[in-house]
């Protein structure tokens, strides 16, 4: 069962200008990210009009940190949720 993001939890920001669709982040965060037909990450539960920031639960932070550090194009970063 996937945890829901808490208020003040982190968000994973995807920089679409850097991403080349290798999909490592979708493997590490399968509960939050899916792949489109070209391999680019898609938020499974994105807010309307916001496909670049993915809300994370506290239990997903370690996987998100791994995704950020392992992204070969440095297309990911962690930010604070509003």
PDB file of N, CA and C in Angstrom:
ATOM      1  N   UNK A   1       0.828  -1.177   0.000  1.00  0.00           N
ATOM      2  CA  UNK A   1       0.000   0.000   0.000  1.00  0.00           C
ATOM      3  C   UNK A   1       0.876   1.246   0.000  1.00  0.00           C
ATOM      4  N   UNK A   2       0.618   2.180  -0.891  1.00  0.00           N
ATOM      5  CA  UNK A   2       1.408   3.394  -1.021  1.00  0.00           C
ATOM      6  C   UNK A   2       0.965   4.417   0.011  1.00  0.00           C
ATOM      7  N   UNK A   3       1.946   5.026   0.686  1.00  0.00           N
ATOM      8  CA  UNK A   3       1.634   6.071   1.645  1.00  0.00           C
ATOM      9  C   UNK A   3       1.251   7.343   0.899  1.00  0.00           C
ATOM     10  N   UNK A   4       0.394   8.142   1.517  1.00  0.00           N
ATOM     11  CA  UNK A   4       0.045   9.426   0.935  1.00  0.00           C
ATOM     12  C   UNK A   4       1.020  10.472   1.436  1.00  0.00           C
ATOM     13  N   UNK A   5       1.339  11.481   0.606  1.00  0.00           N
ATOM     14  CA  UNK A   5       2.274  12.511   1.031  1.00  0.00           C
ATOM     15  C   UNK A   5       1.740  13.286   2.225  1.00  0.00           C
ATOM     16  N   UNK A   6       2.614  13.626   3.128  1.00  0.00           N
ATOM     17  CA  UNK A   6       2.251  14.441   4.274  1.00  0.00           C
ATOM     18  C   UNK A   6       2.441  15.912   3.932  1.00  0.00           C
ATOM     19  N   UNK A   7       1.740  16.751   4.657  1.00  0.00           N
ATOM     20  CA  UNK A   7       1.916  18.187   4.470  1.00  0.00           C
ATOM     21  C   UNK A   7       3.369  18.519   4.798  1.00  0.00           C
ATOM     22  N   UNK A   8       4.017  19.270   3.956  1.00  0.00           N
ATOM     23  CA  UNK A   8       5.410  19.619   4.151  1.00  0.00           C
ATOM     24  C   UNK A   8       6.379  18.558   3.668  1.00  0.00           C
ATOM     25  N   UNK A   9       5.867  17.495   3.082  1.00  0.00           N
ATOM     26  CA  UNK A   9       6.732  16.436   2.570  1.00  0.00           C
ATOM     27  C   UNK A   9       7.489  16.943   1.345  1.00  0.00           C
ATOM     28  N   UNK A  10       8.430  16.163   0.902  1.00  0.00           N
ATOM     29  CA  UNK A  10       9.253  16.542  -0.245  1.00  0.00           C
ATOM     30  C   UNK A  10       8.529  16.247  -1.556  1.00  0.00           C
ATOM     31  N   UNK A  11       9.036  16.888  -2.591  1.00  0.00           N
ATOM     32  CA  UNK A  11       8.573  16.641  -3.954  1.00  0.00           C
ATOM     33  C   UNK A  11       9.790  16.320  -4.813  1.00  0.00           C
ATOM     34  N   UNK A  12       9.555  15.490  -5.803  1.00  0.00           N
ATOM     35  CA  UNK A  12      10.589  15.178  -6.785  1.00  0.00           C
ATOM     36  C   UNK A  12      10.304  16.030  -8.013  1.00  0.00           C
ATOM     37  N   UNK A  13      11.249  16.870  -8.383  1.00  0.00           N
ATOM     38  CA  UNK A  13      11.090  17.728  -9.556  1.00  0.00           C
ATOM     39  C   UNK A  13      11.808  17.083 -10.740  1.00  0.00           C
ATOM     40  N   UNK A  14      11.112  17.001 -11.873  1.00  0.00           N
ATOM     41  CA  UNK A  14      11.679  16.444 -13.105  1.00  0.00           C
ATOM     42  C   UNK A  14      11.973  17.598 -14.050  1.00  0.00           C
ATOM     43  N   UNK A  15      13.227  17.738 -14.455  1.00  0.00           N
ATOM     44  CA  UNK A  15      13.630  18.753 -15.427  1.00  0.00           C
ATOM     45  C   UNK A  15      13.549  18.108 -16.812  1.00  0.00           C
ATOM     46  N   UNK A  16      12.475  18.406 -17.520  1.00  0.00           N
ATOM     47  CA  UNK A  16      12.218  17.772 -18.818  1.00  0.00           C
ATOM     48  C   UNK A  16      13.264  18.126 -19.867  1.00  0.00           C
ATOM     49  N   UNK A  17      13.975  19.245 -19.694  1.00  0.00           N
ATOM     50  CA  UNK A  17      15.002  19.614 -20.672  1.00  0.00           C
ATOM     51  C   UNK A  17      16.240  18.734 -20.536  1.00  0.00           C
ATOM     52  N   UNK A  18      16.409  18.087 -19.403  1.00  0.00           N
ATOM     53  CA  UNK A  18      17.560  17.210 -19.186  1.00  0.00           C
ATOM     54  C   UNK A  18      17.238  15.731 -19.354  1.00  0.00           C
ATOM     55  N   UNK A  19      16.006  15.349 -19.039  1.00  0.00           N
ATOM     56  CA  UNK A  19      15.622  13.941 -19.039  1.00  0.00           C
ATOM     57  C   UNK A  19      15.712  13.336 -20.442  1.00  0.00           C
ATOM     58  N   UNK A  20      16.265  12.129 -20.513  1.00  0.00           N
ATOM     59  CA  UNK A  20      16.282  11.433 -21.805  1.00  0.00           C
ATOM     60  C   UNK A  20      15.561  10.085 -21.741  1.00  0.00           C
ATOM     61  N   UNK A  21      14.773   9.885 -20.704  1.00  0.00           N
ATOM     62  CA  UNK A  21      13.883   8.734 -20.651  1.00  0.00           C
ATOM     63  C   UNK A  21      14.533   7.394 -20.398  1.00  0.00           C
ATOM     64  N   UNK A  22      15.573   7.334 -19.613  1.00  0.00           N
ATOM     65  CA  UNK A  22      16.216   6.042 -19.326  1.00  0.00           C
ATOM     66  C   UNK A  22      15.388   5.189 -18.378  1.00  0.00           C
ATOM     67  N   UNK A  23      14.574   5.816 -17.524  1.00  0.00           N
ATOM     68  CA  UNK A  23      13.608   5.086 -16.716  1.00  0.00           C
ATOM     69  C   UNK A  23      14.066   4.585 -15.368  1.00  0.00           C
ATOM     70  N   UNK A  24      15.287   4.884 -14.957  1.00  0.00           N
ATOM     71  CA  UNK A  24      15.752   4.416 -13.651  1.00  0.00           C
ATOM     72  C   UNK A  24      14.858   4.940 -12.536  1.00  0.00           C
ATOM     73  N   UNK A  25      14.436   6.193 -12.623  1.00  0.00           N
ATOM     74  CA  UNK A  25      13.581   6.767 -11.583  1.00  0.00           C
ATOM     75  C   UNK A  25      12.243   6.045 -11.509  1.00  0.00           C
ATOM     76  N   UNK A  26      11.742   5.591 -12.637  1.00  0.00           N
ATOM     77  CA  UNK A  26      10.456   4.883 -12.626  1.00  0.00           C
ATOM     78  C   UNK A  26      10.574   3.510 -11.972  1.00  0.00           C
ATOM     79  N   UNK A  27      11.755   2.946 -12.010  1.00  0.00           N
ATOM     80  CA  UNK A  27      11.975   1.668 -11.339  1.00  0.00           C
ATOM     81  C   UNK A  27      12.102   1.863  -9.832  1.00  0.00           C
ATOM     82  N   UNK A  28      12.772   2.922  -9.427  1.00  0.00           N
ATOM     83  CA  UNK A  28      12.977   3.182  -8.005  1.00  0.00           C
ATOM     84  C   UNK A  28      11.719   3.714  -7.322  1.00  0.00           C
ATOM     85  N   UNK A  29      10.882   4.415  -8.065  1.00  0.00           N
ATOM     86  CA  UNK A  29       9.666   5.020  -7.512  1.00  0.00           C
ATOM     87  C   UNK A  29       8.437   4.550  -8.281  1.00  0.00           C
ATOM     88  N   UNK A  30       8.318   3.249  -8.425  1.00  0.00           N
ATOM     89  CA  UNK A  30       7.233   2.680  -9.227  1.00  0.00           C
ATOM     90  C   UNK A  30       5.844   3.039  -8.701  1.00  0.00           C
ATOM     91  N   UNK A  31       5.729   3.321  -7.419  1.00  0.00           N
ATOM     92  CA  UNK A  31       4.444   3.709  -6.860  1.00  0.00           C
ATOM     93  C   UNK A  31       4.014   5.117  -7.250  1.00  0.00           C
ATOM     94  N   UNK A  32       4.961   5.950  -7.612  1.00  0.00           N
ATOM     95  CA  UNK A  32       4.669   7.337  -7.966  1.00  0.00           C
ATOM     96  C   UNK A  32       4.850   7.647  -9.452  1.00  0.00           C
ATOM     97  N   UNK A  33       5.731   6.895 -10.109  1.00  0.00           N
ATOM     98  CA  UNK A  33       6.053   7.196 -11.505  1.00  0.00           C
ATOM     99  C   UNK A  33       5.761   6.014 -12.422  1.00  0.00           C
ATOM    100  N   UNK A  34       5.249   6.312 -13.581  1.00  0.00           N
ATOM    101  CA  UNK A  34       5.084   5.337 -14.660  1.00  0.00           C
ATOM    102  C   UNK A  34       5.901   5.868 -15.841  1.00  0.00           C
ATOM    103  N   UNK A  35       5.953   5.106 -16.921  1.00  0.00           N
ATOM    104  CA  UNK A  35       6.667   5.545 -18.125  1.00  0.00           C
ATOM    105  C   UNK A  35       5.682   5.773 -19.254  1.00  0.00           C
ATOM    106  N   UNK A  36       5.971   6.790 -20.063  1.00  0.00           N
ATOM    107  CA  UNK A  36       5.170   6.961 -21.282  1.00  0.00           C
ATOM    108  C   UNK A  36       5.749   6.045 -22.354  1.00  0.00           C
ATOM    109  N   UNK A  37       5.208   6.100 -23.555  1.00  0.00           N
ATOM    110  CA  UNK A  37       5.654   5.173 -24.608  1.00  0.00           C
ATOM    111  C   UNK A  37       7.102   5.380 -25.050  1.00  0.00           C
ATOM    112  N   UNK A  38       7.709   6.515 -24.682  1.00  0.00           N
ATOM    113  CA  UNK A  38       9.107   6.785 -25.036  1.00  0.00           C
ATOM    114  C   UNK A  38      10.043   6.561 -23.855  1.00  0.00           C
ATOM    115  N   UNK A  39       9.492   6.143 -22.710  1.00  0.00           N
ATOM    116  CA  UNK A  39      10.314   5.865 -21.540  1.00  0.00           C
ATOM    117  C   UNK A  39      10.428   7.009 -20.557  1.00  0.00           C
ATOM    118  N   UNK A  40       9.793   8.133 -20.827  1.00  0.00           N
ATOM    119  CA  UNK A  40       9.867   9.288 -19.926  1.00  0.00           C
ATOM    120  C   UNK A  40       8.951   9.085 -18.723  1.00  0.00           C
ATOM    121  N   UNK A  41       9.366   9.589 -17.558  1.00  0.00           N
ATOM    122  CA  UNK A  41       8.554   9.401 -16.359  1.00  0.00           C
ATOM    123  C   UNK A  41       7.279  10.233 -16.382  1.00  0.00           C
ATOM    124  N   UNK A  42       6.220   9.638 -15.868  1.00  0.00           N
ATOM    125  CA  UNK A  42       4.936  10.318 -15.705  1.00  0.00           C
ATOM    126  C   UNK A  42       4.472  10.117 -14.274  1.00  0.00           C
ATOM    127  N   UNK A  43       4.006  11.173 -13.652  1.00  0.00           N
ATOM    128  CA  UNK A  43       3.464  11.052 -12.303  1.00  0.00           C
ATOM    129  C   UNK A  43       2.170  10.256 -12.356  1.00  0.00           C
ATOM    130  N   UNK A  44       2.034   9.276 -11.501  1.00  0.00           N
ATOM    131  CA  UNK A  44       0.810   8.476 -11.462  1.00  0.00           C
ATOM    132  C   UNK A  44      -0.361   9.281 -10.911  1.00  0.00           C
ATOM    133  N   UNK A  45      -0.095  10.210 -10.005  1.00  0.00           N
ATOM    134  CA  UNK A  45      -1.147  11.025  -9.402  1.00  0.00           C
ATOM    135  C   UNK A  45      -0.710  12.485  -9.400  1.00  0.00           C
ATOM    136  N   UNK A  46      -0.615  13.084 -10.558  1.00  0.00           N
ATOM    137  CA  UNK A  46      -0.178  14.476 -10.663  1.00  0.00           C
ATOM    138  C   UNK A  46      -1.353  15.421 -10.497  1.00  0.00           C
ATOM    139  N   UNK A  47      -1.042  16.590  -9.966  1.00  0.00           N
ATOM    140  CA  UNK A  47      -2.055  17.643  -9.909  1.00  0.00           C
ATOM    141  C   UNK A  47      -2.298  18.130 -11.329  1.00  0.00           C
ATOM    142  N   UNK A  48      -3.501  18.556 -11.644  1.00  0.00           N
ATOM    143  CA  UNK A  48      -3.781  19.041 -12.998  1.00  0.00           C
ATOM    144  C   UNK A  48      -2.796  20.142 -13.410  1.00  0.00           C
ATOM    145  N   UNK A  49      -2.189  19.959 -14.552  1.00  0.00           N
ATOM    146  CA  UNK A  49      -1.248  20.940 -15.076  1.00  0.00           C
ATOM    147  C   UNK A  49       0.129  20.897 -14.459  1.00  0.00           C
ATOM    148  N   UNK A  50       0.389  19.996 -13.535  1.00  0.00           N
ATOM    149  CA  UNK A  50       1.698  19.917 -12.880  1.00  0.00           C
ATOM    150  C   UNK A  50       2.278  18.530 -13.074  1.00  0.00           C
ATOM    151  N   UNK A  51       3.000  18.343 -14.149  1.00  0.00           N
ATOM    152  CA  UNK A  51       3.601  17.041 -14.426  1.00  0.00           C
ATOM    153  C   UNK A  51       5.075  17.010 -14.083  1.00  0.00           C
ATOM    154  N   UNK A  52       5.609  18.124 -13.552  1.00  0.00           N
ATOM    155  CA  UNK A  52       7.034  18.200 -13.245  1.00  0.00           C
ATOM    156  C   UNK A  52       7.362  17.941 -11.786  1.00  0.00           C
ATOM    157  N   UNK A  53       6.377  18.045 -10.899  1.00  0.00           N
ATOM    158  CA  UNK A  53       6.611  17.861  -9.468  1.00  0.00           C
ATOM    159  C   UNK A  53       5.754  16.722  -8.939  1.00  0.00           C
ATOM    160  N   UNK A  54       6.418  15.748  -8.343  1.00  0.00           N
ATOM    161  CA  UNK A  54       5.755  14.556  -7.836  1.00  0.00           C
ATOM    162  C   UNK A  54       5.833  14.573  -6.315  1.00  0.00           C
ATOM    163  N   UNK A  55       4.675  14.561  -5.651  1.00  0.00           N
ATOM    164  CA  UNK A  55       4.633  14.534  -4.189  1.00  0.00           C
ATOM    165  C   UNK A  55       5.118  13.177  -3.691  1.00  0.00           C
ATOM    166  N   UNK A  56       5.897  13.213  -2.626  1.00  0.00           N
ATOM    167  CA  UNK A  56       6.467  11.995  -2.053  1.00  0.00           C
ATOM    168  C   UNK A  56       6.047  11.835  -0.610  1.00  0.00           C
ATOM    169  N   UNK A  57       5.863  10.619  -0.191  1.00  0.00           N
ATOM    170  CA  UNK A  57       5.622  10.340   1.221  1.00  0.00           C
ATOM    171  C   UNK A  57       6.971  10.216   1.917  1.00  0.00           C
ATOM    172  N   UNK A  58       7.003  10.358   3.240  1.00  0.00           N
ATOM    173  CA  UNK A  58       8.277  10.199   3.956  1.00  0.00           C
ATOM    174  C   UNK A  58       8.940   8.849   3.681  1.00  0.00           C
ATOM    175  N   UNK A  59       8.148   7.802   3.486  1.00  0.00           N
ATOM    176  CA  UNK A  59       8.706   6.479   3.220  1.00  0.00           C
ATOM    177  C   UNK A  59       9.350   6.322   1.856  1.00  0.00           C
ATOM    178  N   UNK A  60       9.124   7.285   0.976  1.00  0.00           N
ATOM    179  CA  UNK A  60       9.695   7.230  -0.376  1.00  0.00           C
ATOM    180  C   UNK A  60      10.958   8.076  -0.528  1.00  0.00           C
ATOM    181  N   UNK A  61      11.341   8.776   0.528  1.00  0.00           N
ATOM    182  CA  UNK A  61      12.477   9.696   0.417  1.00  0.00           C
ATOM    183  C   UNK A  61      13.794   9.000   0.092  1.00  0.00           C
ATOM    184  N   UNK A  62      14.047   7.850   0.681  1.00  0.00           N
ATOM    185  CA  UNK A  62      15.305   7.150   0.390  1.00  0.00           C
ATOM    186  C   UNK A  62      15.380   6.755  -1.085  1.00  0.00           C
ATOM    187  N   UNK A  63      14.291   6.214  -1.621  1.00  0.00           N
ATOM    188  CA  UNK A  63      14.269   5.843  -3.035  1.00  0.00           C
ATOM    189  C   UNK A  63      14.401   7.074  -3.919  1.00  0.00           C
ATOM    190  N   UNK A  64      13.787   8.177  -3.510  1.00  0.00           N
ATOM    191  CA  UNK A  64      13.886   9.415  -4.284  1.00  0.00           C
ATOM    192  C   UNK A  64      15.317   9.950  -4.270  1.00  0.00           C
ATOM    193  N   UNK A  65      15.971   9.873  -3.124  1.00  0.00           N
ATOM    194  CA  UNK A  65      17.380  10.311  -3.047  1.00  0.00           C
ATOM    195  C   UNK A  65      18.254   9.447  -3.963  1.00  0.00           C
ATOM    196  N   UNK A  66      17.988   8.150  -3.975  1.00  0.00           N
ATOM    197  CA  UNK A  66      18.728   7.260  -4.880  1.00  0.00           C
ATOM    198  C   UNK A  66      18.479   7.648  -6.338  1.00  0.00           C
ATOM    199  N   UNK A  67      17.227   7.917  -6.679  1.00  0.00           N
ATOM    200  CA  UNK A  67      16.899   8.298  -8.060  1.00  0.00           C
ATOM    201  C   UNK A  67      17.626   9.574  -8.452  1.00  0.00           C
ATOM    202  N   UNK A  68      17.652  10.552  -7.551  1.00  0.00           N
ATOM    203  CA  UNK A  68      18.337  11.817  -7.834  1.00  0.00           C
ATOM    204  C   UNK A  68      19.827  11.575  -8.037  1.00  0.00           C
ATOM    205  N   UNK A  69      20.443  10.814  -7.140  1.00  0.00           N
ATOM    206  CA  UNK A  69      21.893  10.610  -7.235  1.00  0.00           C
ATOM    207  C   UNK A  69      22.300   9.722  -8.405  1.00  0.00           C
ATOM    208  N   UNK A  70      21.410   8.823  -8.842  1.00  0.00           N
ATOM    209  CA  UNK A  70      21.747   7.907  -9.928  1.00  0.00           C
ATOM    210  C   UNK A  70      21.301   8.376 -11.311  1.00  0.00           C
ATOM    211  N   UNK A  71      20.536   9.451 -11.374  1.00  0.00           N
ATOM    212  CA  UNK A  71      20.061   9.933 -12.680  1.00  0.00           C
ATOM    213  C   UNK A  71      21.248  10.347 -13.549  1.00  0.00           C
ATOM    214  N   UNK A  72      21.450   9.692 -14.683  1.00  0.00           N
ATOM    215  CA  UNK A  72      22.624   9.980 -15.508  1.00  0.00           C
ATOM    216  C   UNK A  72      22.596  11.369 -16.150  1.00  0.00           C
ATOM    217  N   UNK A  73      21.437  11.976 -16.240  1.00  0.00           N
ATOM    218  CA  UNK A  73      21.319  13.301 -16.858  1.00  0.00           C
ATOM    219  C   UNK A  73      21.073  14.410 -15.832  1.00  0.00           C
ATOM    220  N   UNK A  74      21.117  14.071 -14.548  1.00  0.00           N
ATOM    221  CA  UNK A  74      20.858  15.027 -13.462  1.00  0.00           C
ATOM    222  C   UNK A  74      19.566  15.795 -13.705  1.00  0.00           C
ATOM    223  N   UNK A  75      18.531  15.057 -14.080  1.00  0.00           N
ATOM    224  CA  UNK A  75      17.238  15.664 -14.415  1.00  0.00           C
ATOM    225  C   UNK A  75      16.282  15.692 -13.226  1.00  0.00           C
ATOM    226  N   UNK A  76      16.722  15.218 -12.067  1.00  0.00           N
ATOM    227  CA  UNK A  76      15.854  15.151 -10.913  1.00  0.00           C
ATOM    228  C   UNK A  76      16.446  15.940  -9.756  1.00  0.00           C
ATOM    229  N   UNK A  77      15.555  16.539  -8.943  1.00  0.00           N
ATOM    230  CA  UNK A  77      16.001  17.131  -7.693  1.00  0.00           C
ATOM    231  C   UNK A  77      14.857  17.077  -6.694  1.00  0.00           C
ATOM    232  N   UNK A  78      15.216  17.041  -5.430  1.00  0.00           N
ATOM    233  CA  UNK A  78      14.229  17.049  -4.353  1.00  0.00           C
ATOM    234  C   UNK A  78      13.985  18.488  -3.926  1.00  0.00           C
ATOM    235  N   UNK A  79      12.722  18.816  -3.736  1.00  0.00           N
ATOM    236  CA  UNK A  79      12.328  20.145  -3.268  1.00  0.00           C
ATOM    237  C   UNK A  79      11.355  19.967  -2.119  1.00  0.00           C
ATOM    238  N   UNK A  80      11.138  21.023  -1.371  1.00  0.00           N
ATOM    239  CA  UNK A  80      10.149  21.003  -0.294  1.00  0.00           C
ATOM    240  C   UNK A  80       8.778  21.281  -0.855  1.00  0.00           C
ATOM    241  N   UNK A  81       7.803  20.593  -0.345  1.00  0.00           N
ATOM    242  CA  UNK A  81       6.416  20.831  -0.755  1.00  0.00           C
ATOM    243  C   UNK A  81       5.937  22.126  -0.118  1.00  0.00           C
ATOM    244  N   UNK A  82       5.063  22.837  -0.796  1.00  0.00           N
ATOM    245  CA  UNK A  82       4.548  24.084  -0.229  1.00  0.00           C
ATOM    246  C   UNK A  82       3.699  23.824   1.006  1.00  0.00           C
TER     247      UNK A  82
END
